[in-house]
Amino acid sequence: MVSRIYKRTAMYRNLQLLRSIRYSHSPPKASVLLDVSNCIQGLKQKLQELNQLTVATARKVADYDPMPKLEVELQEEGFVIKVLSERSCQGLLVFILEAFEELGLDVLQARVSCADSFSLEALGNKEKNEDTGALDAELVEQVVSKAIRNWREVSEI
């Protein structure tokens, strides 16, 4: 007998709680339950739409993949080459070092980070060789840009 009263009291409290959540003052239990059920279905649908929107947004962000930014400066001791990207660029360093070799640049100092993003700052100097032509910042930028484009083509495959 006590157990039945306890269950009835608990059910009444839960019903009152549901009424207060939905601001329903309808006396029949069935209408309150139906109202809450409809509310839950609506919330599930909104949640599903938000999840789909989140997935679509994540795909757009992943698809948006700008080229790494390149900057070449001429200084007294050589060229300062800076390559920056917001994402990690696996294999890009190899392509850039091959471009330096193609240009005949000696890397005097370099700082590279490839963890979450790609960052390269290198100080390069022209090798002392009479049979190679003069080197300017524009040519260095063209060759390194070509190396970045080649890397991008290879990494998209």
N, C-alpha and C. Protein backbone atom coordinates (compact mmCIF):
# COMPACT_ATOMS: atom_id res chain seq x y z
N MET A 1 0.82 -1.19 0.00
CA MET A 1 0.00 0.00 0.00
C MET A 1 0.86 1.26 0.00
N VAL A 2 1.90 1.27 0.85
CA VAL A 2 2.79 2.43 0.94
C VAL A 2 3.54 2.61 -0.38
N SER A 3 3.93 1.50 -0.98
CA SER A 3 4.67 1.53 -2.23
C SER A 3 3.82 2.15 -3.34
N ARG A 4 2.53 1.81 -3.37
CA ARG A 4 1.61 2.35 -4.37
C ARG A 4 1.46 3.86 -4.21
N ILE A 5 1.36 4.33 -2.98
CA ILE A 5 1.22 5.77 -2.70
C ILE A 5 2.52 6.49 -3.09
N TYR A 6 3.62 5.88 -2.77
CA TYR A 6 4.92 6.47 -3.11
C TYR A 6 5.06 6.62 -4.63
N LYS A 7 4.68 5.58 -5.39
CA LYS A 7 4.76 5.61 -6.85
C LYS A 7 3.83 6.68 -7.42
N ARG A 8 2.62 6.75 -6.86
CA ARG A 8 1.65 7.73 -7.34
C ARG A 8 2.14 9.15 -7.07
N THR A 9 2.73 9.37 -5.90
CA THR A 9 3.25 10.69 -5.55
C THR A 9 4.41 11.06 -6.48
N ALA A 10 5.29 10.13 -6.74
CA ALA A 10 6.43 10.37 -7.64
C ALA A 10 5.94 10.67 -9.05
N MET A 11 4.93 9.93 -9.52
CA MET A 11 4.38 10.16 -10.84
C MET A 11 3.72 11.54 -10.92
N TYR A 12 3.03 11.93 -9.87
CA TYR A 12 2.37 13.24 -9.83
C TYR A 12 3.44 14.35 -9.88
N ARG A 13 4.53 14.19 -9.12
CA ARG A 13 5.61 15.19 -9.14
C ARG A 13 6.23 15.30 -10.53
N ASN A 14 6.46 14.15 -11.16
CA ASN A 14 7.04 14.16 -12.51
C ASN A 14 6.09 14.82 -13.51
N LEU A 15 4.80 14.57 -13.38
CA LEU A 15 3.81 15.20 -14.25
C LEU A 15 3.81 16.71 -14.04
N GLN A 16 3.89 17.15 -12.80
CA GLN A 16 3.94 18.58 -12.50
C GLN A 16 5.22 19.20 -13.08
N LEU A 17 6.31 18.46 -13.00
CA LEU A 17 7.57 18.94 -13.55
C LEU A 17 7.47 19.10 -15.07
N LEU A 18 6.86 18.12 -15.72
CA LEU A 18 6.65 18.22 -17.17
C LEU A 18 5.76 19.41 -17.53
N ARG A 19 4.70 19.62 -16.74
CA ARG A 19 3.82 20.76 -16.99
C ARG A 19 4.58 22.07 -16.83
N SER A 20 5.45 22.14 -15.83
CA SER A 20 6.18 23.39 -15.61
C SER A 20 7.20 23.64 -16.71
N ILE A 21 7.79 22.58 -17.23
CA ILE A 21 8.77 22.74 -18.31
C ILE A 21 8.09 23.25 -19.57
N ARG A 22 6.93 22.72 -19.89
CA ARG A 22 6.22 23.09 -21.12
C ARG A 22 5.21 24.20 -20.88
N TYR A 23 5.13 24.73 -19.70
CA TYR A 23 4.17 25.78 -19.35
C TYR A 23 2.75 25.35 -19.71
N SER A 24 2.45 24.09 -19.44
CA SER A 24 1.14 23.54 -19.76
C SER A 24 0.30 23.48 -18.48
N HIS A 25 -0.91 23.98 -18.56
CA HIS A 25 -1.82 23.92 -17.42
C HIS A 25 -3.01 23.02 -17.73
N SER A 26 -2.80 22.17 -18.74
CA SER A 26 -3.85 21.27 -19.15
C SER A 26 -4.00 20.16 -18.10
N PRO A 27 -5.22 19.92 -17.62
CA PRO A 27 -5.40 18.90 -16.58
C PRO A 27 -5.18 17.46 -17.06
N PRO A 28 -5.62 17.06 -18.25
CA PRO A 28 -5.44 15.65 -18.62
C PRO A 28 -3.96 15.28 -18.78
N LYS A 29 -3.61 14.14 -18.21
CA LYS A 29 -2.23 13.67 -18.29
C LYS A 29 -1.83 13.41 -19.74
N ALA A 30 -2.75 12.84 -20.50
CA ALA A 30 -2.44 12.46 -21.88
C ALA A 30 -2.04 13.67 -22.71
N SER A 31 -2.70 14.81 -22.53
CA SER A 31 -2.36 15.98 -23.33
C SER A 31 -0.99 16.54 -22.94
N VAL A 32 -0.65 16.47 -21.65
CA VAL A 32 0.66 16.92 -21.20
C VAL A 32 1.74 16.01 -21.80
N LEU A 33 1.52 14.70 -21.73
CA LEU A 33 2.48 13.75 -22.27
C LEU A 33 2.64 13.90 -23.78
N LEU A 34 1.53 14.12 -24.47
CA LEU A 34 1.56 14.32 -25.91
C LEU A 34 2.33 15.59 -26.25
N ASP A 35 2.07 16.66 -25.50
CA ASP A 35 2.75 17.92 -25.71
C ASP A 35 4.26 17.77 -25.51
N VAL A 36 4.65 17.09 -24.44
CA VAL A 36 6.07 16.87 -24.15
C VAL A 36 6.69 15.98 -25.22
N SER A 37 5.97 14.96 -25.65
CA SER A 37 6.46 14.07 -26.69
C SER A 37 6.72 14.84 -27.99
N ASN A 38 5.79 15.71 -28.37
CA ASN A 38 5.97 16.53 -29.57
C ASN A 38 7.18 17.46 -29.42
N CYS A 39 7.34 18.01 -28.23
CA CYS A 39 8.47 18.89 -27.96
C CYS A 39 9.79 18.12 -28.12
N ILE A 40 9.86 16.91 -27.59
CA ILE A 40 11.07 16.09 -27.69
C ILE A 40 11.37 15.77 -29.15
N GLN A 41 10.34 15.43 -29.92
CA GLN A 41 10.54 15.14 -31.34
C GLN A 41 11.08 16.36 -32.08
N GLY A 42 10.52 17.54 -31.76
CA GLY A 42 11.01 18.78 -32.39
C GLY A 42 12.46 19.06 -32.03
N LEU A 43 12.82 18.83 -30.78
CA LEU A 43 14.20 19.04 -30.35
C LEU A 43 15.15 18.05 -31.02
N LYS A 44 14.71 16.81 -31.18
CA LYS A 44 15.53 15.82 -31.88
C LYS A 44 15.77 16.24 -33.32
N GLN A 45 14.73 16.75 -33.96
CA GLN A 45 14.84 17.18 -35.36
C GLN A 45 15.80 18.37 -35.46
N LYS A 46 15.68 19.33 -34.54
CA LYS A 46 16.59 20.48 -34.56
C LYS A 46 18.03 20.04 -34.33
N LEU A 47 18.22 19.11 -33.42
CA LEU A 47 19.56 18.59 -33.13
C LEU A 47 20.15 17.91 -34.36
N GLN A 48 19.33 17.13 -35.05
CA GLN A 48 19.80 16.46 -36.27
C GLN A 48 20.18 17.48 -37.34
N GLU A 49 19.37 18.54 -37.50
CA GLU A 49 19.68 19.59 -38.48
C GLU A 49 20.98 20.30 -38.12
N LEU A 50 21.18 20.57 -36.83
CA LEU A 50 22.41 21.23 -36.39
C LEU A 50 23.62 20.33 -36.62
N ASN A 51 23.47 19.03 -36.38
CA ASN A 51 24.57 18.09 -36.64
C ASN A 51 24.92 18.06 -38.12
N GLN A 52 23.90 18.05 -38.98
CA GLN A 52 24.15 18.06 -40.42
C GLN A 52 24.83 19.35 -40.85
N LEU A 53 24.41 20.46 -40.27
CA LEU A 53 25.02 21.75 -40.57
C LEU A 53 26.47 21.79 -40.12
N THR A 54 26.74 21.21 -38.96
CA THR A 54 28.11 21.16 -38.44
C THR A 54 29.00 20.31 -39.34
N VAL A 55 28.50 19.17 -39.79
CA VAL A 55 29.27 18.30 -40.69
C VAL A 55 29.53 19.02 -42.01
N ALA A 56 28.51 19.69 -42.55
CA ALA A 56 28.67 20.40 -43.82
C ALA A 56 29.69 21.53 -43.67
N THR A 57 29.65 22.24 -42.55
CA THR A 57 30.59 23.33 -42.31
C THR A 57 32.01 22.77 -42.18
N ALA A 58 32.14 21.66 -41.48
CA ALA A 58 33.47 21.05 -41.31
C ALA A 58 34.02 20.61 -42.67
N ARG A 59 33.18 20.10 -43.55
CA ARG A 59 33.63 19.70 -44.88
C ARG A 59 34.10 20.92 -45.67
N LYS A 60 33.35 22.02 -45.58
CA LYS A 60 33.75 23.24 -46.30
C LYS A 60 35.08 23.75 -45.79
N VAL A 61 35.27 23.71 -44.47
CA VAL A 61 36.52 24.17 -43.89
C VAL A 61 37.66 23.27 -44.35
N ALA A 62 37.43 21.96 -44.37
CA ALA A 62 38.46 21.02 -44.81
C ALA A 62 38.75 21.20 -46.30
N ASP A 63 37.72 21.49 -47.10
CA ASP A 63 37.91 21.69 -48.53
C ASP A 63 38.63 23.00 -48.82
N TYR A 64 38.45 23.99 -47.96
CA TYR A 64 39.11 25.27 -48.14
C TYR A 64 40.56 25.10 -47.72
N ASP A 65 41.41 25.06 -48.69
CA ASP A 65 42.81 24.78 -48.43
C ASP A 65 43.66 25.78 -49.21
N PRO A 66 43.89 26.96 -48.64
CA PRO A 66 44.66 27.96 -49.39
C PRO A 66 46.12 27.54 -49.53
N MET A 67 46.72 28.07 -50.55
CA MET A 67 48.14 27.82 -50.78
C MET A 67 48.94 28.43 -49.63
N PRO A 68 50.05 27.81 -49.29
CA PRO A 68 50.92 28.42 -48.28
C PRO A 68 51.40 29.79 -48.76
N LYS A 69 51.54 30.71 -47.83
CA LYS A 69 51.99 32.07 -48.16
C LYS A 69 53.51 32.09 -48.24
N LEU A 70 54.01 32.77 -49.26
CA LEU A 70 55.44 32.83 -49.50
C LEU A 70 55.89 34.28 -49.49
N GLU A 71 57.01 34.52 -48.85
CA GLU A 71 57.58 35.86 -48.80
C GLU A 71 59.10 35.73 -48.92
N VAL A 72 59.70 36.48 -49.85
CA VAL A 72 61.15 36.44 -50.03
C VAL A 72 61.67 37.86 -49.88
N GLU A 73 62.68 38.01 -49.02
CA GLU A 73 63.29 39.33 -48.79
C GLU A 73 64.78 39.23 -49.08
N LEU A 74 65.33 40.28 -49.70
CA LEU A 74 66.75 40.35 -49.95
C LEU A 74 67.40 41.09 -48.79
N GLN A 75 68.43 40.49 -48.21
CA GLN A 75 69.19 41.13 -47.14
C GLN A 75 70.67 41.07 -47.47
N GLU A 76 71.48 41.73 -46.66
CA GLU A 76 72.92 41.78 -46.92
C GLU A 76 73.55 40.40 -47.04
N GLU A 77 73.20 39.52 -46.11
CA GLU A 77 73.84 38.21 -46.08
C GLU A 77 73.16 37.19 -47.00
N GLY A 78 72.08 37.54 -47.66
CA GLY A 78 71.41 36.61 -48.57
C GLY A 78 69.91 36.86 -48.64
N PHE A 79 69.16 35.80 -48.75
CA PHE A 79 67.71 35.88 -48.88
C PHE A 79 67.05 35.31 -47.62
N VAL A 80 65.98 35.95 -47.18
CA VAL A 80 65.15 35.39 -46.12
C VAL A 80 63.89 34.89 -46.79
N ILE A 81 63.66 33.61 -46.70
CA ILE A 81 62.50 32.97 -47.32
C ILE A 81 61.57 32.52 -46.22
N LYS A 82 60.31 33.00 -46.27
CA LYS A 82 59.30 32.63 -45.27
C LYS A 82 58.14 31.96 -45.98
N VAL A 83 57.78 30.78 -45.49
CA VAL A 83 56.62 30.04 -46.02
C VAL A 83 55.73 29.72 -44.83
N LEU A 84 54.46 30.15 -44.90
CA LEU A 84 53.51 29.94 -43.80
C LEU A 84 52.23 29.31 -44.34
N SER A 85 51.70 28.36 -43.58
CA SER A 85 50.42 27.75 -43.91
C SER A 85 49.68 27.47 -42.62
N GLU A 86 48.35 27.57 -42.66
CA GLU A 86 47.54 27.35 -41.47
C GLU A 86 47.39 25.87 -41.14
N ARG A 87 47.78 25.01 -42.05
CA ARG A 87 47.67 23.57 -41.79
C ARG A 87 49.03 22.92 -41.96
N SER A 88 49.17 21.75 -41.44
CA SER A 88 50.40 20.99 -41.58
C SER A 88 50.53 20.54 -43.03
N CYS A 89 51.67 20.72 -43.62
CA CYS A 89 51.87 20.39 -45.03
C CYS A 89 52.92 19.30 -45.14
N GLN A 90 52.48 18.06 -45.06
CA GLN A 90 53.39 16.93 -45.07
C GLN A 90 54.11 16.84 -46.42
N GLY A 91 55.45 16.84 -46.37
CA GLY A 91 56.25 16.71 -47.58
C GLY A 91 56.66 18.02 -48.22
N LEU A 92 56.10 19.14 -47.80
CA LEU A 92 56.40 20.44 -48.42
C LEU A 92 57.86 20.82 -48.21
N LEU A 93 58.40 20.53 -47.05
CA LEU A 93 59.78 20.89 -46.75
C LEU A 93 60.75 20.29 -47.77
N VAL A 94 60.50 19.06 -48.17
CA VAL A 94 61.38 18.40 -49.15
C VAL A 94 61.36 19.16 -50.47
N PHE A 95 60.18 19.56 -50.93
CA PHE A 95 60.06 20.29 -52.19
C PHE A 95 60.78 21.63 -52.11
N ILE A 96 60.66 22.31 -50.98
CA ILE A 96 61.30 23.61 -50.82
C ILE A 96 62.83 23.46 -50.79
N LEU A 97 63.32 22.44 -50.08
CA LEU A 97 64.77 22.22 -50.03
C LEU A 97 65.32 21.84 -51.41
N GLU A 98 64.54 21.09 -52.21
CA GLU A 98 64.96 20.79 -53.58
C GLU A 98 65.02 22.06 -54.42
N ALA A 99 64.10 22.99 -54.17
CA ALA A 99 64.12 24.27 -54.89
C ALA A 99 65.37 25.07 -54.50
N PHE A 100 65.73 25.05 -53.22
CA PHE A 100 66.95 25.73 -52.79
C PHE A 100 68.17 25.13 -53.50
N GLU A 101 68.20 23.81 -53.60
CA GLU A 101 69.31 23.13 -54.27
C GLU A 101 69.35 23.51 -55.74
N GLU A 102 68.18 23.57 -56.38
CA GLU A 102 68.09 23.96 -57.79
C GLU A 102 68.64 25.37 -58.00
N LEU A 103 68.36 26.25 -57.05
CA LEU A 103 68.84 27.63 -57.13
C LEU A 103 70.32 27.76 -56.75
N GLY A 104 70.86 26.75 -56.10
CA GLY A 104 72.24 26.82 -55.63
C GLY A 104 72.35 27.63 -54.35
N LEU A 105 71.31 27.65 -53.55
CA LEU A 105 71.31 28.39 -52.28
C LEU A 105 71.88 27.52 -51.17
N ASP A 106 72.78 28.08 -50.40
CA ASP A 106 73.23 27.44 -49.16
C ASP A 106 72.32 27.94 -48.06
N VAL A 107 71.75 27.03 -47.29
CA VAL A 107 70.90 27.43 -46.15
C VAL A 107 71.83 27.66 -44.97
N LEU A 108 71.92 28.92 -44.55
CA LEU A 108 72.80 29.28 -43.44
C LEU A 108 72.11 29.07 -42.09
N GLN A 109 70.82 29.33 -42.09
CA GLN A 109 70.04 29.21 -40.85
C GLN A 109 68.59 28.95 -41.24
N ALA A 110 67.91 28.08 -40.49
CA ALA A 110 66.51 27.78 -40.80
C ALA A 110 65.75 27.45 -39.52
N ARG A 111 64.49 27.82 -39.53
CA ARG A 111 63.57 27.49 -38.44
C ARG A 111 62.31 26.91 -39.10
N VAL A 112 61.96 25.67 -38.72
CA VAL A 112 60.83 24.99 -39.36
C VAL A 112 59.92 24.41 -38.29
N SER A 113 58.61 24.53 -38.50
CA SER A 113 57.62 23.90 -37.63
C SER A 113 56.57 23.26 -38.53
N CYS A 114 56.28 21.99 -38.28
CA CYS A 114 55.32 21.26 -39.11
C CYS A 114 54.25 20.57 -38.28
N ALA A 115 54.06 20.94 -37.03
CA ALA A 115 53.15 20.22 -36.14
C ALA A 115 51.69 20.44 -36.54
N ASP A 116 51.11 21.56 -36.19
CA ASP A 116 49.71 21.85 -36.51
C ASP A 116 49.61 22.73 -37.75
N SER A 117 50.61 23.55 -37.94
CA SER A 117 50.68 24.42 -39.10
C SER A 117 52.09 24.30 -39.67
N PHE A 118 52.29 24.85 -40.86
CA PHE A 118 53.61 24.79 -41.46
C PHE A 118 54.22 26.17 -41.42
N SER A 119 55.45 26.25 -40.94
CA SER A 119 56.16 27.51 -40.86
C SER A 119 57.62 27.26 -41.17
N LEU A 120 58.14 27.99 -42.15
CA LEU A 120 59.55 27.89 -42.50
C LEU A 120 60.10 29.29 -42.63
N GLU A 121 61.21 29.52 -41.98
CA GLU A 121 61.95 30.77 -42.15
C GLU A 121 63.40 30.38 -42.35
N ALA A 122 63.92 30.64 -43.55
CA ALA A 122 65.28 30.22 -43.88
C ALA A 122 66.08 31.40 -44.39
N LEU A 123 67.34 31.40 -44.02
CA LEU A 123 68.29 32.38 -44.52
C LEU A 123 69.19 31.65 -45.49
N GLY A 124 69.10 32.01 -46.76
CA GLY A 124 69.87 31.34 -47.79
C GLY A 124 70.84 32.29 -48.45
N ASN A 125 72.00 31.75 -48.84
CA ASN A 125 73.03 32.53 -49.48
C ASN A 125 73.46 31.82 -50.75
N LYS A 126 73.76 32.58 -51.78
CA LYS A 126 74.17 32.02 -53.06
C LYS A 126 75.52 31.35 -52.91
N GLU A 127 75.65 30.12 -53.47
CA GLU A 127 76.93 29.42 -53.45
C GLU A 127 77.94 30.19 -54.28
N LYS A 128 79.17 30.17 -53.88
CA LYS A 128 80.24 30.86 -54.61
C LYS A 128 80.65 30.00 -55.80
N ASN A 129 80.11 30.38 -56.97
CA ASN A 129 80.41 29.63 -58.19
C ASN A 129 80.31 30.61 -59.35
N GLU A 130 81.34 30.70 -60.19
CA GLU A 130 81.38 31.69 -61.26
C GLU A 130 80.43 31.37 -62.42
N ASP A 131 80.16 30.10 -62.68
CA ASP A 131 79.36 29.73 -63.86
C ASP A 131 77.85 29.87 -63.64
N THR A 132 77.40 30.25 -62.44
CA THR A 132 75.97 30.48 -62.21
C THR A 132 75.68 31.96 -62.27
N GLY A 133 74.51 32.30 -62.78
CA GLY A 133 74.13 33.70 -62.95
C GLY A 133 73.74 34.36 -61.64
N ALA A 134 73.45 35.65 -61.76
CA ALA A 134 73.04 36.43 -60.58
C ALA A 134 71.65 35.97 -60.12
N LEU A 135 71.43 36.09 -58.84
CA LEU A 135 70.19 35.63 -58.24
C LEU A 135 69.48 36.83 -57.61
N ASP A 136 68.19 36.99 -57.89
CA ASP A 136 67.44 38.06 -57.24
C ASP A 136 66.23 37.47 -56.52
N ALA A 137 65.59 38.30 -55.70
CA ALA A 137 64.48 37.84 -54.86
C ALA A 137 63.31 37.33 -55.71
N GLU A 138 63.10 37.96 -56.85
CA GLU A 138 61.99 37.57 -57.72
C GLU A 138 62.17 36.15 -58.26
N LEU A 139 63.40 35.83 -58.67
CA LEU A 139 63.68 34.50 -59.18
C LEU A 139 63.54 33.45 -58.08
N VAL A 140 64.03 33.77 -56.90
CA VAL A 140 63.89 32.85 -55.76
C VAL A 140 62.42 32.60 -55.48
N GLU A 141 61.62 33.66 -55.49
CA GLU A 141 60.18 33.53 -55.24
C GLU A 141 59.51 32.67 -56.30
N GLN A 142 59.88 32.84 -57.56
CA GLN A 142 59.29 32.04 -58.63
C GLN A 142 59.61 30.56 -58.47
N VAL A 143 60.86 30.24 -58.18
CA VAL A 143 61.27 28.84 -58.07
C VAL A 143 60.62 28.18 -56.85
N VAL A 144 60.57 28.88 -55.71
CA VAL A 144 59.95 28.30 -54.51
C VAL A 144 58.44 28.18 -54.71
N SER A 145 57.82 29.15 -55.38
CA SER A 145 56.38 29.05 -55.69
C SER A 145 56.10 27.84 -56.56
N LYS A 146 56.97 27.61 -57.53
CA LYS A 146 56.81 26.43 -58.39
C LYS A 146 56.91 25.15 -57.56
N ALA A 147 57.84 25.13 -56.62
CA ALA A 147 58.00 23.96 -55.75
C ALA A 147 56.75 23.74 -54.91
N ILE A 148 56.15 24.82 -54.43
CA ILE A 148 54.91 24.72 -53.63
C ILE A 148 53.77 24.19 -54.50
N ARG A 149 53.66 24.69 -55.74
CA ARG A 149 52.62 24.20 -56.65
C ARG A 149 52.83 22.71 -56.97
N ASN A 150 54.08 22.33 -57.20
CA ASN A 150 54.39 20.91 -57.47
C ASN A 150 54.00 20.04 -56.27
N TRP A 151 54.33 20.52 -55.07
CA TRP A 151 53.96 19.78 -53.86
C TRP A 151 52.44 19.63 -53.78
N ARG A 152 51.74 20.71 -54.08
CA ARG A 152 50.28 20.68 -53.98
C ARG A 152 49.69 19.67 -54.96
N GLU A 153 50.21 19.64 -56.19
CA GLU A 153 49.74 18.68 -57.18
C GLU A 153 49.97 17.25 -56.71
N VAL A 154 51.15 17.00 -56.15
CA VAL A 154 51.48 15.66 -55.68
C VAL A 154 50.64 15.28 -54.47
N SER A 155 50.41 16.23 -53.56
CA SER A 155 49.67 15.91 -52.33
C SER A 155 48.18 15.75 -52.58
N GLU A 156 47.66 16.26 -53.69
CA GLU A 156 46.22 16.11 -53.99
C GLU A 156 45.89 14.73 -54.54
N ILE A 157 46.88 14.05 -55.04
CA ILE A 157 46.65 12.73 -55.66
C ILE A 157 46.26 11.71 -54.64
